[in-house]
Amino acid sequence: MTKIKQETLLALKRKRGEKNLSVIELSRQTGVNRWTLNKLLTGKSETIRPTTIEKINDWLISDLAK
């Protein structure tokens, strides 16, 4: 398990807000379990698997490639 960086978490929250996404829709777009996302977004957990961080990072930079 790896601790997610606060900058990454802030970027995730910011982009979710900009796109006005529910946790379920965010889960669908990122490929990350909705319960995992909910724990991250509410601050109940900061440690996640490296593959989950990779999925979040991929989603965060997806708009940059467009």
Protein backbone atom coordinates (compact mmCIF):
# COMPACT_ATOMS: atom_id res chain seq x y z
CA MET A 1 0.00 0.00 0.00
CA THR A 2 1.13 3.51 -0.83
CA LYS A 3 0.12 6.85 0.59
CA ILE A 4 -1.48 9.19 -1.96
CA LYS A 5 0.13 12.63 -2.24
CA GLN A 6 -1.98 15.54 -1.04
CA GLU A 7 -1.40 17.31 -4.36
CA THR A 8 -2.85 14.35 -6.26
CA LEU A 9 -5.83 14.17 -3.93
CA LEU A 10 -6.46 17.91 -4.30
CA ALA A 11 -6.24 17.63 -8.11
CA LEU A 12 -8.71 14.72 -8.03
CA LYS A 13 -11.19 16.72 -5.94
CA ARG A 14 -10.75 19.81 -8.10
CA LYS A 15 -11.26 18.00 -11.41
CA ARG A 16 -14.25 16.10 -10.00
CA GLY A 17 -15.79 19.43 -8.98
CA GLU A 18 -15.07 21.05 -12.33
CA LYS A 19 -16.80 18.19 -14.14
CA ASN A 20 -19.57 17.98 -11.49
CA LEU A 21 -19.17 14.19 -11.17
CA SER A 22 -20.75 11.90 -8.62
CA VAL A 23 -18.53 9.33 -6.93
CA ILE A 24 -20.19 6.61 -9.04
CA GLU A 25 -19.46 8.46 -12.30
CA LEU A 26 -15.92 9.21 -11.14
CA SER A 27 -15.51 5.52 -10.43
CA ARG A 28 -16.71 4.62 -13.90
CA GLN A 29 -14.35 7.09 -15.57
CA THR A 30 -11.27 6.21 -13.52
CA GLY A 31 -11.79 2.48 -13.12
CA VAL A 32 -11.31 2.82 -9.35
CA ASN A 33 -13.80 1.22 -6.95
CA ARG A 34 -16.38 3.75 -5.73
CA TRP A 35 -15.82 2.80 -2.09
CA THR A 36 -12.09 3.42 -2.44
CA LEU A 37 -12.77 6.81 -4.01
CA ASN A 38 -15.26 7.70 -1.30
CA LYS A 39 -12.74 6.89 1.44
CA LEU A 40 -10.10 9.03 -0.29
CA LEU A 41 -12.42 11.98 -0.87
CA THR A 42 -13.78 11.99 2.68
CA GLY A 43 -10.33 11.62 4.26
CA LYS A 44 -11.02 8.22 5.83
CA SER A 45 -8.08 6.67 4.01
CA GLU A 46 -4.84 7.89 2.45
CA THR A 47 -3.21 4.56 1.63
CA ILE A 48 -4.09 2.81 -1.60
CA ARG A 49 -2.52 0.39 -4.02
CA PRO A 50 0.02 1.72 -6.53
CA THR A 51 -2.20 0.57 -9.41
CA THR A 52 -5.03 2.73 -8.03
CA ILE A 53 -2.76 5.78 -7.94
CA GLU A 54 -1.76 5.02 -11.52
CA LYS A 55 -5.43 4.93 -12.61
CA ILE A 56 -6.11 8.24 -10.87
CA ASN A 57 -3.04 9.86 -12.42
CA ASP A 58 -4.00 8.57 -15.87
CA TRP A 59 -7.47 10.08 -15.48
CA LEU A 60 -6.08 13.39 -14.24
CA ILE A 61 -3.82 13.81 -17.25
CA SER A 62 -6.35 12.51 -19.79
CA ASP A 63 -7.63 16.03 -20.55
CA LEU A 64 -4.11 17.26 -21.22
CA ALA A 65 -3.72 14.85 -24.14
CA LYS A 66 -6.85 16.20 -25.86
